[in-house]
Amino acid sequence: MSTMVKRVDDQGRIEPPVGAGEWETLSSFLDYFRDTLEWKTDGLTDDQLRQNLEPSSMTLGGMLKHMALVEKEWFGQFLSGEPYGEPWESADWGADPDWDWNSATEDSGGDLRRLWKESVVQSQRLALAAYENGGLDGEATKQPMEGEVLRLRWIMVHMIEEYARHCGHADLIRESIDGQTGD
């Protein structure tokens, strides 16, 4: 039996193992991208988290809040049937469909990081429980589309895609703030 070597990069991120099974591969890639977003927002002041790169209004603070919501939605709401909780349930989504992005300018960096981290920890717990209960083929509690079955595997891949896309955005925004580059 071979043992997989854990490789840690210069930013402290654990690189996804090459010879792993499907669950470990998916969860490792998702955690890697979560770590990348954390790295891209680390050490920035509240004002820096509010900076955007024209012409986009996207900010790193807004990205943290958005990804906290995305974690809550896919792992909490769809996979596990849990309520969103605050601050999501009292938000006026009708007045601002991009409330998660836009309201982040009113939040401190500490609050944004805490909200995102709590969502990630909850998502990791819910995903692992779902995997242990039904594997990657396990069905989500809430089905978003009639006639289709949402499974844990799809949620994991979708979350990797969501983080990968936003980490690309984060690269550009971070470089515009302080010149920091890197994947």
Protein backbone atom coordinates (compact mmCIF):
# COMPACT_ATOMS: atom_id res chain seq x y z
CA MET A 1 0.00 0.00 0.00
CA SER A 2 1.44 3.34 -1.02
CA THR A 3 1.20 6.45 1.06
CA MET A 4 0.51 9.78 -0.51
CA VAL A 5 2.89 12.59 0.23
CA LYS A 6 1.33 15.86 1.37
CA ARG A 7 2.91 18.73 -0.48
CA VAL A 8 2.61 22.22 0.92
CA ASP A 9 3.33 25.21 -1.29
CA ASP A 10 4.98 28.52 -0.35
CA GLN A 11 1.63 29.97 0.76
CA GLY A 12 0.89 27.04 3.09
CA ARG A 13 -1.73 25.49 0.83
CA ILE A 14 -1.87 21.69 0.71
CA GLU A 15 -1.66 20.65 -2.90
CA PRO A 16 -4.24 18.11 -4.03
CA PRO A 17 -2.77 14.59 -4.06
CA VAL A 18 -2.12 13.05 -7.46
CA GLY A 19 -3.00 9.43 -6.68
CA ALA A 20 -6.12 9.94 -4.56
CA GLY A 21 -9.61 8.57 -5.03
CA GLU A 22 -12.51 10.67 -6.23
CA TRP A 23 -13.68 12.05 -2.86
CA GLU A 24 -10.21 13.01 -1.69
CA THR A 25 -9.41 14.56 -5.08
CA LEU A 26 -12.57 16.68 -5.15
CA SER A 27 -12.42 17.76 -1.51
CA SER A 28 -8.68 18.51 -1.79
CA PHE A 29 -9.12 20.69 -4.86
CA LEU A 30 -12.01 22.54 -3.20
CA ASP A 31 -9.95 23.15 -0.06
CA TYR A 32 -7.00 24.26 -2.18
CA PHE A 33 -9.13 26.93 -3.85
CA ARG A 34 -10.60 27.95 -0.51
CA ASP A 35 -7.04 28.38 0.76
CA THR A 36 -6.23 30.42 -2.35
CA LEU A 37 -9.07 32.86 -1.66
CA GLU A 38 -7.92 33.14 1.94
CA TRP A 39 -4.37 33.87 0.77
CA LYS A 40 -5.56 36.48 -1.74
CA THR A 41 -7.46 38.35 1.00
CA ASP A 42 -4.95 37.85 3.81
CA GLY A 43 -3.25 40.88 5.31
CA LEU A 44 -5.48 43.43 3.60
CA THR A 45 -7.07 46.32 5.47
CA ASP A 46 -10.80 47.01 5.45
CA ASP A 47 -10.25 49.74 2.85
CA GLN A 48 -8.20 47.43 0.65
CA LEU A 49 -10.94 44.78 0.79
CA ARG A 50 -13.30 47.47 -0.55
CA GLN A 51 -11.13 48.39 -3.55
CA ASN A 52 -12.21 47.36 -7.00
CA LEU A 53 -10.51 47.12 -10.35
CA GLU A 54 -12.34 49.27 -12.91
CA PRO A 55 -14.62 48.82 -14.70
CA SER A 56 -15.83 46.04 -12.38
CA SER A 57 -17.42 46.81 -9.02
CA MET A 58 -16.17 43.46 -7.65
CA THR A 59 -14.11 43.67 -4.45
CA LEU A 60 -12.25 41.07 -2.42
CA GLY A 61 -14.51 41.80 0.54
CA GLY A 62 -17.56 41.27 -1.63
CA MET A 63 -16.01 38.06 -2.89
CA LEU A 64 -15.60 36.74 0.67
CA LYS A 65 -19.22 37.53 1.47
CA HIS A 66 -20.46 36.10 -1.83
CA MET A 67 -18.54 32.86 -1.30
CA ALA A 68 -19.90 32.59 2.24
CA LEU A 69 -23.38 32.72 0.70
CA VAL A 70 -22.46 30.22 -2.03
CA GLU A 71 -21.17 27.79 0.64
CA LYS A 72 -24.43 28.23 2.60
CA GLU A 73 -26.56 27.77 -0.49
CA TRP A 74 -25.04 24.62 -1.97
CA PHE A 75 -23.95 22.71 1.13
CA GLY A 76 -26.40 24.10 3.66
CA GLN A 77 -29.59 24.79 1.73
CA PHE A 78 -29.52 22.32 -1.18
CA LEU A 79 -27.41 19.45 0.14
CA SER A 80 -28.61 19.44 3.73
CA GLY A 81 -31.84 21.44 3.82
CA GLU A 82 -30.58 23.83 6.47
CA PRO A 83 -31.85 27.42 6.66
CA TYR A 84 -29.56 30.19 5.45
CA GLY A 85 -29.57 32.00 8.78
CA GLU A 86 -28.30 35.53 9.19
CA PRO A 87 -27.30 37.79 7.60
CA TRP A 88 -28.89 36.18 4.54
CA GLU A 89 -32.48 35.81 5.71
CA SER A 90 -33.02 39.47 6.63
CA ALA A 91 -31.31 40.86 3.51
CA ASP A 92 -33.53 42.75 1.07
CA TRP A 93 -32.71 40.70 -2.02
CA GLY A 94 -35.57 42.35 -3.93
CA ALA A 95 -34.00 45.78 -3.56
CA ASP A 96 -30.51 44.51 -4.35
CA PRO A 97 -30.10 41.10 -6.03
CA ASP A 98 -26.32 41.50 -5.51
CA TRP A 99 -26.70 42.30 -1.82
CA ASP A 100 -23.95 39.86 -0.84
CA TRP A 101 -21.43 41.68 -3.05
CA ASN A 102 -22.62 45.23 -2.42
CA SER A 103 -23.25 45.12 1.32
CA ALA A 104 -19.70 43.95 2.01
CA THR A 105 -18.52 47.56 1.85
CA GLU A 106 -20.30 48.08 5.18
CA ASP A 107 -18.56 45.14 6.88
CA SER A 108 -15.16 44.95 8.50
CA GLY A 109 -12.55 42.62 7.11
CA GLY A 110 -12.67 40.64 10.33
CA ASP A 111 -16.42 40.16 10.06
CA LEU A 112 -16.18 39.15 6.40
CA ARG A 113 -13.41 36.65 7.07
CA ARG A 114 -15.29 35.21 10.06
CA LEU A 115 -18.55 34.87 8.08
CA TRP A 116 -16.74 33.13 5.23
CA LYS A 117 -14.69 30.85 7.52
CA GLU A 118 -17.79 29.78 9.47
CA SER A 119 -19.55 28.95 6.21
CA VAL A 120 -16.56 26.92 5.01
CA VAL A 121 -16.32 24.94 8.26
CA GLN A 122 -20.05 24.19 8.15
CA SER A 123 -19.81 23.16 4.49
CA GLN A 124 -16.88 20.84 5.15
CA ARG A 125 -18.84 19.19 7.95
CA LEU A 126 -22.02 18.83 5.87
CA ALA A 127 -20.19 17.54 2.79
CA LEU A 128 -18.29 14.92 4.78
CA ALA A 129 -21.47 13.77 6.54
CA ALA A 130 -23.27 13.49 3.20
CA TYR A 131 -20.35 11.59 1.69
CA GLU A 132 -20.20 9.18 4.62
CA ASN A 133 -23.97 8.66 4.34
CA GLY A 134 -24.34 8.18 0.59
CA GLY A 135 -21.05 8.68 -1.19
CA LEU A 136 -20.67 11.14 -4.03
CA ASP A 137 -23.86 9.77 -5.58
CA GLY A 138 -25.84 10.79 -2.49
CA GLU A 139 -28.84 12.97 -3.32
CA ALA A 140 -29.21 16.49 -2.05
CA THR A 141 -32.09 17.16 0.34
CA LYS A 142 -33.47 19.96 -1.83
CA GLN A 143 -33.68 19.58 -5.58
CA PRO A 144 -33.38 22.89 -7.49
CA MET A 145 -34.69 21.59 -10.82
CA GLU A 146 -37.75 19.42 -11.28
CA GLY A 147 -36.97 16.14 -12.96
CA GLU A 148 -33.24 16.26 -12.19
CA VAL A 149 -31.37 14.78 -9.25
CA LEU A 150 -28.76 16.97 -7.60
CA ARG A 151 -25.97 14.87 -6.14
CA LEU A 152 -23.02 15.61 -3.88
CA ARG A 153 -20.58 14.99 -6.77
CA TRP A 154 -22.16 17.80 -8.84
CA ILE A 155 -22.09 20.19 -5.87
CA MET A 156 -18.40 19.47 -5.26
CA VAL A 157 -17.47 20.06 -8.91
CA HIS A 158 -19.63 23.18 -9.08
CA MET A 159 -17.97 24.60 -5.97
CA ILE A 160 -14.50 23.94 -7.43
CA GLU A 161 -15.58 25.80 -10.57
CA GLU A 162 -17.03 28.68 -8.53
CA TYR A 163 -13.87 29.10 -6.47
CA ALA A 164 -11.54 28.69 -9.46
CA ARG A 165 -13.36 31.46 -11.35
CA HIS A 166 -13.36 33.83 -8.40
CA CYS A 167 -9.75 33.07 -7.51
CA GLY A 168 -8.86 34.29 -11.00
CA HIS A 169 -10.74 37.50 -10.26
CA ALA A 170 -8.98 37.71 -6.89
CA ASP A 171 -5.57 37.46 -8.59
CA LEU A 172 -6.29 40.55 -10.66
CA ILE A 173 -7.83 42.56 -7.85
CA ARG A 174 -5.04 41.72 -5.40
CA GLU A 175 -2.36 42.66 -7.92
CA SER A 176 -4.07 46.02 -8.47
CA ILE A 177 -4.11 46.67 -4.70
CA ASP A 178 -0.53 45.91 -3.71
CA GLY A 179 1.23 44.21 -6.61
CA GLN A 180 1.06 40.71 -5.08
CA THR A 181 0.96 38.06 -7.77
CA GLY A 182 0.95 34.29 -7.87
CA ASP A 183 -1.55 31.54 -8.38
